Protein backbone atom coordinates (compact mmCIF):
# COMPACT_ATOMS: atom_id res chain seq x y z
CA UNK A 1 -222.99 -50.47 170.66
CA UNK A 2 -220.78 -50.68 167.54
CA UNK A 3 -218.40 -47.70 167.43
CA UNK A 4 -218.63 -45.44 164.40
CA UNK A 5 -215.04 -46.35 163.60
CA UNK A 6 -216.07 -49.91 162.76
CA UNK A 7 -216.47 -49.97 158.96
CA UNK A 8 -216.86 -53.75 158.72
CA UNK A 9 -219.94 -55.92 158.41
CA UNK A 10 -220.39 -57.58 161.82
CA UNK A 11 -222.88 -60.24 160.69
CA UNK A 12 -221.15 -63.01 158.67
CA UNK A 13 -224.50 -64.03 157.19
CA UNK A 14 -224.59 -60.70 155.33
CA UNK A 15 -221.39 -61.42 153.39
CA UNK A 16 -221.30 -65.22 153.11
CA UNK A 17 -223.55 -67.44 150.96
CA UNK A 18 -226.25 -69.50 152.68
CA UNK A 19 -224.20 -72.61 151.89
CA UNK A 20 -220.52 -71.64 152.25
CA UNK A 21 -219.32 -75.11 151.20
CA UNK A 22 -218.39 -76.49 154.62
CA UNK A 23 -218.92 -80.12 155.70
CA UNK A 24 -222.36 -81.07 157.03
CA UNK A 25 -222.88 -79.71 160.53
CA UNK A 26 -220.02 -77.19 160.27
CA UNK A 27 -220.71 -73.45 160.37
CA UNK A 28 -219.00 -70.07 160.14
CA UNK A 29 -219.82 -67.37 162.66
CA UNK A 30 -218.59 -64.86 165.21
CA UNK A 31 -216.56 -65.56 168.33
CA UNK A 32 -216.97 -64.40 171.92
CA UNK A 33 -213.64 -63.03 173.10
CA UNK A 34 -214.82 -63.32 176.71
CA UNK A 35 -215.43 -67.06 176.45
CA UNK A 36 -212.51 -68.78 178.18
CA UNK A 37 -212.82 -71.99 176.17
CA UNK A 38 -212.82 -70.08 172.87
CA UNK A 39 -209.75 -68.06 173.88
CA UNK A 40 -207.90 -71.24 174.86
CA UNK A 41 -208.80 -72.91 171.58
CA UNK A 42 -207.80 -69.89 169.50
CA UNK A 43 -204.48 -69.81 171.35
CA UNK A 44 -203.94 -73.51 170.53
CA UNK A 45 -204.57 -72.83 166.84
CA UNK A 46 -202.21 -69.83 166.88
CA UNK A 47 -199.40 -71.77 168.54
CA UNK A 48 -199.81 -74.73 166.18
CA UNK A 49 -199.72 -72.32 163.23
CA UNK A 50 -196.47 -70.80 164.56
CA UNK A 51 -194.85 -74.17 165.19
CA UNK A 52 -195.67 -75.36 161.68
CA UNK A 53 -194.46 -72.14 160.10
CA UNK A 54 -191.21 -71.43 161.92
CA UNK A 55 -190.57 -74.41 164.23
CA UNK A 56 -191.56 -72.88 167.59
CA UNK A 57 -194.48 -71.04 169.19
CA UNK A 58 -194.62 -67.77 171.09
CA UNK A 59 -198.31 -66.85 170.99
CA UNK A 60 -200.13 -66.67 174.31
CA UNK A 61 -203.64 -66.09 175.62
CA UNK A 62 -202.71 -62.42 176.02
CA UNK A 63 -202.39 -62.08 172.24
CA UNK A 64 -205.80 -63.47 171.29
CA UNK A 65 -208.09 -60.96 173.09
CA UNK A 66 -206.41 -58.10 171.21
CA UNK A 67 -207.96 -59.49 168.02
CA UNK A 68 -211.33 -60.67 169.33
CA UNK A 69 -212.27 -58.30 172.19
CA UNK A 70 -214.21 -55.25 171.16
CA UNK A 71 -215.36 -54.49 167.59
CA UNK A 72 -213.59 -51.19 166.99
CA UNK A 73 -211.77 -51.39 163.64
CA UNK A 74 -211.71 -55.23 163.81
CA UNK A 75 -213.91 -58.22 163.01
CA UNK A 76 -213.39 -61.96 163.40
CA UNK A 77 -214.80 -65.10 161.82
CA UNK A 78 -214.40 -68.65 163.09
CA UNK A 79 -215.30 -71.99 161.51
CA UNK A 80 -216.69 -74.57 163.94
CA UNK A 81 -217.06 -78.29 163.30
CA UNK A 82 -220.16 -80.36 164.14
CA UNK A 83 -219.09 -80.52 167.81
CA UNK A 84 -218.69 -76.75 168.10
CA UNK A 85 -214.89 -76.89 168.17
CA UNK A 86 -213.14 -73.99 166.39
CA UNK A 87 -211.12 -75.30 163.44
CA UNK A 88 -210.24 -72.08 161.58
CA UNK A 89 -210.12 -68.36 162.20
CA UNK A 90 -209.95 -65.17 160.16
CA UNK A 91 -209.41 -61.67 161.53
CA UNK A 92 -209.52 -58.32 159.74
CA UNK A 93 -208.22 -54.98 160.99
CA UNK A 94 -208.93 -51.62 159.37
CA UNK A 95 -205.32 -50.57 159.85
CA UNK A 96 -205.25 -47.35 157.82
CA UNK A 97 -206.79 -45.89 154.69
CA UNK A 98 -206.37 -48.42 151.87
CA UNK A 99 -204.72 -51.05 154.07
CA UNK A 100 -206.63 -53.89 155.76
CA UNK A 101 -204.64 -56.39 157.81
CA UNK A 102 -205.77 -60.00 157.67
CA UNK A 103 -204.99 -63.07 159.81
CA UNK A 104 -205.68 -66.51 158.29
CA UNK A 105 -205.28 -69.62 160.46
CA UNK A 106 -206.58 -73.12 159.70
CA UNK A 107 -206.23 -76.19 161.91
CA UNK A 108 -203.15 -78.10 160.74
CA UNK A 109 -204.70 -81.49 161.61
CA UNK A 110 -207.53 -81.22 159.07
CA UNK A 111 -207.52 -83.20 155.84
CA UNK A 112 -206.53 -81.18 152.80
CA UNK A 113 -210.08 -81.16 151.41
CA UNK A 114 -211.66 -79.83 154.61
CA UNK A 115 -208.78 -77.41 155.23
CA UNK A 116 -209.28 -75.94 151.75
CA UNK A 117 -213.01 -75.57 152.38
CA UNK A 118 -212.27 -73.65 155.58
CA UNK A 119 -209.69 -71.49 153.80
CA UNK A 120 -212.11 -70.67 151.00
CA UNK A 121 -214.71 -69.45 153.51
CA UNK A 122 -212.17 -67.26 155.33
CA UNK A 123 -210.89 -65.76 152.08
CA UNK A 124 -214.41 -65.10 150.76
CA UNK A 125 -215.30 -63.34 154.01
CA UNK A 126 -212.06 -61.30 153.96
CA UNK A 127 -212.64 -60.11 150.38
CA UNK A 128 -216.21 -59.10 151.25
CA UNK A 129 -214.94 -57.18 154.28
CA UNK A 130 -212.31 -55.48 152.11
CA UNK A 131 -215.01 -54.30 149.73
CA UNK A 132 -217.08 -53.07 152.66
CA UNK A 133 -214.30 -51.11 154.37
CA UNK A 134 -213.03 -49.79 151.04
CA UNK A 135 -216.48 -48.51 150.16
CA UNK A 136 -216.86 -46.90 153.59
CA UNK A 137 -213.56 -45.09 153.01
CA UNK A 138 -214.57 -44.04 149.49
CA UNK A 139 -211.84 -46.06 147.73
CA UNK A 140 -211.83 -47.81 144.38
CA UNK A 141 -209.30 -50.46 145.48
CA UNK A 142 -208.77 -51.90 148.96
CA UNK A 143 -205.57 -53.73 149.81
CA UNK A 144 -205.59 -56.87 151.96
CA UNK A 145 -202.24 -57.23 153.75
CA UNK A 146 -201.40 -60.55 155.38
CA UNK A 147 -198.23 -62.30 156.48
CA UNK A 148 -196.60 -65.70 156.40
CA UNK A 149 -193.47 -67.32 157.76
CA UNK A 150 -190.81 -67.70 155.08
CA UNK A 151 -190.77 -71.52 155.25
CA UNK A 152 -194.53 -72.10 155.55
CA UNK A 153 -195.12 -73.61 152.11
CA UNK A 154 -198.68 -74.68 152.90
CA UNK A 155 -199.66 -71.13 153.79
CA UNK A 156 -197.90 -69.82 150.69
CA UNK A 157 -199.91 -72.20 148.49
CA UNK A 158 -203.19 -71.17 150.13
CA UNK A 159 -202.43 -67.47 149.66
CA UNK A 160 -201.31 -67.87 146.05
CA UNK A 161 -204.45 -69.87 145.19
CA UNK A 162 -206.55 -67.04 146.66
CA UNK A 163 -204.86 -64.43 144.46
CA UNK A 164 -202.33 -63.02 146.94
CA UNK A 165 -198.82 -62.05 145.84
CA UNK A 166 -195.62 -62.17 147.90
CA UNK A 167 -194.38 -58.57 148.01
CA UNK A 168 -191.83 -58.14 150.81
CA UNK A 169 -189.49 -59.91 153.22
CA UNK A 170 -188.92 -58.93 156.86
CA UNK A 171 -186.13 -59.93 159.23
CA UNK A 172 -187.22 -60.51 162.81
CA UNK A 173 -184.10 -59.61 164.77
CA UNK A 174 -183.00 -59.96 168.38
CA UNK A 175 -180.09 -58.69 170.46
CA UNK A 176 -178.89 -59.94 173.83
CA UNK A 177 -178.69 -57.46 176.70
CA UNK A 178 -176.28 -57.67 179.63
CA UNK A 179 -176.53 -55.84 182.97
CA UNK A 180 -173.49 -53.65 182.28
CA UNK A 181 -175.24 -52.02 179.32
CA UNK A 182 -177.25 -49.90 181.71
CA UNK A 183 -174.24 -47.58 181.36
CA UNK A 184 -174.77 -47.06 177.61
CA UNK A 185 -176.53 -43.78 178.39
CA UNK A 186 -176.42 -41.58 181.50
CA UNK A 187 -180.15 -42.04 182.21
CA UNK A 188 -182.72 -43.72 179.90
CA UNK A 189 -185.35 -41.25 181.11
CA UNK A 190 -183.48 -38.22 179.77
CA UNK A 191 -180.00 -37.55 178.41
CA UNK A 192 -178.23 -35.47 175.77
CA UNK A 193 -175.32 -35.87 173.38
CA UNK A 194 -173.99 -33.95 170.37
CA UNK A 195 -176.87 -31.50 170.32
CA UNK A 196 -179.59 -34.15 170.52
CA UNK A 197 -181.88 -34.47 173.55
CA UNK A 198 -183.40 -37.87 174.30
CA UNK A 199 -186.26 -38.21 176.78
CA UNK A 200 -189.32 -40.21 177.69
CA UNK A 201 -192.70 -38.90 176.65
CA UNK A 202 -193.78 -36.55 179.44
CA UNK A 203 -196.48 -37.59 181.91
CA UNK A 204 -199.26 -35.46 183.33
CA UNK A 205 -200.11 -35.28 187.04
CA UNK A 206 -202.57 -38.19 186.75
CA UNK A 207 -199.97 -40.43 185.12
CA UNK A 208 -201.32 -40.23 181.59
CA UNK A 209 -198.94 -39.16 178.83
CA UNK A 210 -198.83 -35.59 177.58
CA UNK A 211 -200.98 -35.40 174.43
CA UNK A 212 -198.65 -32.94 172.74
CA UNK A 213 -195.80 -35.43 173.11
CA UNK A 214 -197.95 -38.28 171.77
CA UNK A 215 -198.85 -36.17 168.77
CA UNK A 216 -195.16 -35.38 168.28
CA UNK A 217 -194.36 -39.12 168.24
CA UNK A 218 -197.14 -39.71 165.71
CA UNK A 219 -196.01 -36.83 163.49
CA UNK A 220 -192.37 -37.93 163.53
CA UNK A 221 -193.23 -41.53 162.62
CA UNK A 222 -195.62 -40.46 159.86
CA UNK A 223 -192.92 -38.22 158.41
CA UNK A 224 -190.12 -40.75 158.83
CA UNK A 225 -191.96 -43.59 157.07
CA UNK A 226 -193.22 -41.65 154.05
CA UNK A 227 -190.60 -43.29 151.80
CA UNK A 228 -190.98 -46.77 153.31
CA UNK A 229 -192.66 -49.79 151.73
CA UNK A 230 -196.48 -49.78 151.85
CA UNK A 231 -196.62 -46.66 153.96
CA UNK A 232 -200.23 -45.59 154.59
CA UNK A 233 -201.33 -42.50 156.43
CA UNK A 234 -202.79 -43.35 159.82
CA UNK A 235 -204.76 -40.84 161.87
CA UNK A 236 -203.65 -39.97 165.39
CA UNK A 237 -206.71 -41.73 166.81
CA UNK A 238 -206.03 -44.91 164.82
CA UNK A 239 -202.37 -44.86 165.83
CA UNK A 240 -202.97 -44.43 169.57
CA UNK A 241 -205.88 -46.89 169.69
CA UNK A 242 -203.89 -49.60 167.88
CA UNK A 243 -200.74 -49.27 169.97
CA UNK A 244 -202.65 -49.24 173.25
CA UNK A 245 -204.18 -52.61 172.27
CA UNK A 246 -200.75 -54.27 172.29
CA UNK A 247 -200.43 -56.53 175.36
CA UNK A 248 -196.90 -55.21 175.86
CA UNK A 249 -197.90 -51.55 175.71
CA UNK A 250 -196.34 -49.30 178.37
CA UNK A 251 -196.32 -45.48 178.31
CA UNK A 252 -192.86 -45.48 179.91
CA UNK A 253 -191.45 -47.14 176.78
CA UNK A 254 -192.08 -44.16 174.46
CA UNK A 255 -189.14 -41.86 173.72
CA UNK A 256 -188.63 -38.66 171.75
CA UNK A 257 -185.40 -37.28 170.32
CA UNK A 258 -185.18 -33.52 169.85
CA UNK A 259 -182.75 -31.75 167.55
CA UNK A 260 -182.46 -28.01 168.17
CA UNK A 261 -185.46 -28.34 170.47
CA UNK A 262 -187.75 -29.86 167.83
CA UNK A 263 -188.96 -33.50 167.72
CA UNK A 264 -186.92 -35.29 165.07
CA UNK A 265 -186.89 -38.93 166.19
CA UNK A 266 -189.16 -41.29 168.09
CA UNK A 267 -189.05 -44.81 169.47
CA UNK A 268 -192.08 -46.75 170.68
CA UNK A 269 -191.11 -49.78 172.72
CA UNK A 270 -193.13 -52.58 174.29
CA UNK A 271 -192.58 -55.42 176.75
CA UNK A 272 -192.06 -58.97 175.47
CA UNK A 273 -193.21 -61.02 178.43
CA UNK A 274 -191.88 -64.52 178.99
CA UNK A 275 -193.10 -67.33 181.26
CA UNK A 276 -189.77 -69.18 181.03
CA UNK A 277 -187.26 -66.48 181.94
CA UNK A 278 -186.60 -62.74 181.93
CA UNK A 279 -188.86 -60.48 179.90
CA UNK A 280 -187.51 -58.64 176.88
CA UNK A 281 -188.05 -55.25 175.28
CA UNK A 282 -189.23 -54.76 171.71
CA UNK A 283 -188.82 -51.84 169.29
CA UNK A 284 -192.28 -51.50 167.77
CA UNK A 285 -191.40 -48.28 165.94
CA UNK A 286 -188.22 -46.31 165.36
CA UNK A 287 -188.27 -43.32 163.04
CA UNK A 288 -186.04 -40.34 162.31
CA UNK A 289 -187.01 -37.43 160.09
CA UNK A 290 -184.89 -37.15 156.96
CA UNK A 291 -183.63 -33.71 158.00
CA UNK A 292 -182.11 -35.20 161.17
CA UNK A 293 -180.52 -38.33 159.74
CA UNK A 294 -176.77 -38.62 160.21
CA UNK A 295 -176.90 -36.98 163.65
CA UNK A 296 -176.82 -40.22 165.65
CA UNK A 297 -180.52 -40.02 166.53
CA UNK A 298 -181.41 -43.62 165.70
CA UNK A 299 -178.33 -44.99 167.42
CA UNK A 300 -179.04 -42.86 170.49
CA UNK A 301 -182.62 -44.09 170.72
CA UNK A 302 -181.48 -47.70 170.37
CA UNK A 303 -178.85 -47.22 173.09
CA UNK A 304 -181.64 -45.77 175.25
CA UNK A 305 -183.96 -48.78 174.98
CA UNK A 306 -181.02 -51.17 175.49
CA UNK A 307 -179.96 -49.33 178.65
CA UNK A 308 -183.57 -49.23 179.82
CA UNK A 309 -183.90 -52.99 179.26
CA UNK A 310 -180.70 -53.61 181.22
CA UNK A 311 -181.96 -51.44 184.08
CA UNK A 312 -185.17 -53.52 184.19
CA UNK A 313 -183.27 -56.81 184.29
CA UNK A 314 -184.29 -57.86 180.78
CA UNK A 315 -182.08 -60.03 178.60
CA UNK A 316 -182.95 -59.01 175.03
CA UNK A 317 -184.32 -56.37 172.66
CA UNK A 318 -186.17 -57.41 169.52
CA UNK A 319 -187.23 -55.56 166.37
CA UNK A 320 -188.39 -56.03 162.78
CA UNK A 321 -186.60 -54.62 159.74
CA UNK A 322 -187.47 -54.48 156.06
CA UNK A 323 -184.98 -56.66 154.19
CA UNK A 324 -185.01 -54.01 151.44
CA UNK A 325 -185.07 -50.93 153.68
CA UNK A 326 -184.29 -47.77 151.69
CA UNK A 327 -182.48 -46.31 154.71
CA UNK A 328 -180.12 -49.27 155.19
CA UNK A 329 -181.34 -49.67 158.75
CA UNK A 330 -180.36 -53.33 158.81
CA UNK A 331 -176.68 -52.33 158.62
CA UNK A 332 -177.03 -50.24 161.77
CA UNK A 333 -178.80 -53.05 163.62
CA UNK A 334 -176.19 -55.64 162.67
CA UNK A 335 -173.38 -53.28 163.68
CA UNK A 336 -175.06 -52.80 167.07
CA UNK A 337 -175.36 -56.53 167.73
CA UNK A 338 -178.72 -57.57 166.32
CA UNK A 339 -179.06 -60.87 164.44
CA UNK A 340 -181.93 -62.40 162.47
CA UNK A 341 -183.96 -64.89 164.49
CA UNK A 342 -186.48 -65.78 161.78
CA UNK A 343 -187.98 -64.33 158.59
CA UNK A 344 -191.51 -63.37 157.60
CA UNK A 345 -193.15 -62.23 154.38
CA UNK A 346 -195.90 -59.81 153.37
CA UNK A 347 -198.54 -61.05 150.92
CA UNK A 348 -201.00 -58.61 149.32
CA UNK A 349 -204.24 -58.81 147.37
CA UNK A 350 -205.86 -55.73 145.81
CA UNK A 351 -209.65 -55.95 145.88
CA UNK A 352 -211.71 -53.75 143.51
CA UNK A 353 -214.40 -51.91 145.45
CA UNK A 354 -217.78 -51.93 143.71
């Protein structure tokens, strides 16, 4: 059964022309996220895309099912050649009202002519899905938000030809962690300093997180990011569903900071698993309400996840920061030891909804 939350068109034939312009014997269709061979092939394409764009790959088979398992708020399209091999993939995610995330990957070994034909099909499908989800949300314009590595000139050319514009730059930062940093805070589970209380999201008797705390995290992050680039309101359901899909999701990586007893800061962390060494921690979200800024809340939360990582035997903490952040967050990260590992870009296309 397709959940009511799925606003996309699940049948590619409904949004693509009968002849999409692919080579003879090639076709565009859906993908089975439970098919082992398809998952392996999609992982190969992802890793090749990463190597071409930034020089090294990190994608794994754990990342692919997040996009292709289950239809809720997501749809996928793949292009198969005459042998049935997947040569291109598009993925759309109804991220929040007015904002649709889009993944665009084409086999790097294809000739330019065939690669462009595959790209054109993926873009045509994505625009049709944008119109569909925008109409379902009652919008007049639906944004498509996709990303590219800074040095991936081929991807830049494809996006520009399809009417996308480069709108933002993001620094992907990392910081080493040493065992002694477990002493940065008295206890990562709960500690206090200068009138600010830091603690993990509370757990109920069955092990599930306290809903009131989860809603507090959501409310803090919504309030903290109001003045940030491309901020779009996301419902509590959308927020929780999306974060639980992350392969690195762990409830014991969610922290709240309370000022005068009220939630004023939040950090959502995840696990960055590695097959070649120690795992790492990752700051998926860090937000502080404007009324609490200047109280050391952000620094305290960062010290907490660093100490937690050290206690777990991890060797790094990663995060993403807007290169043009209005809060100057990058200065805090650099001062605390973070450095830029690589750079990505946001590309947007606004699609009129008719």
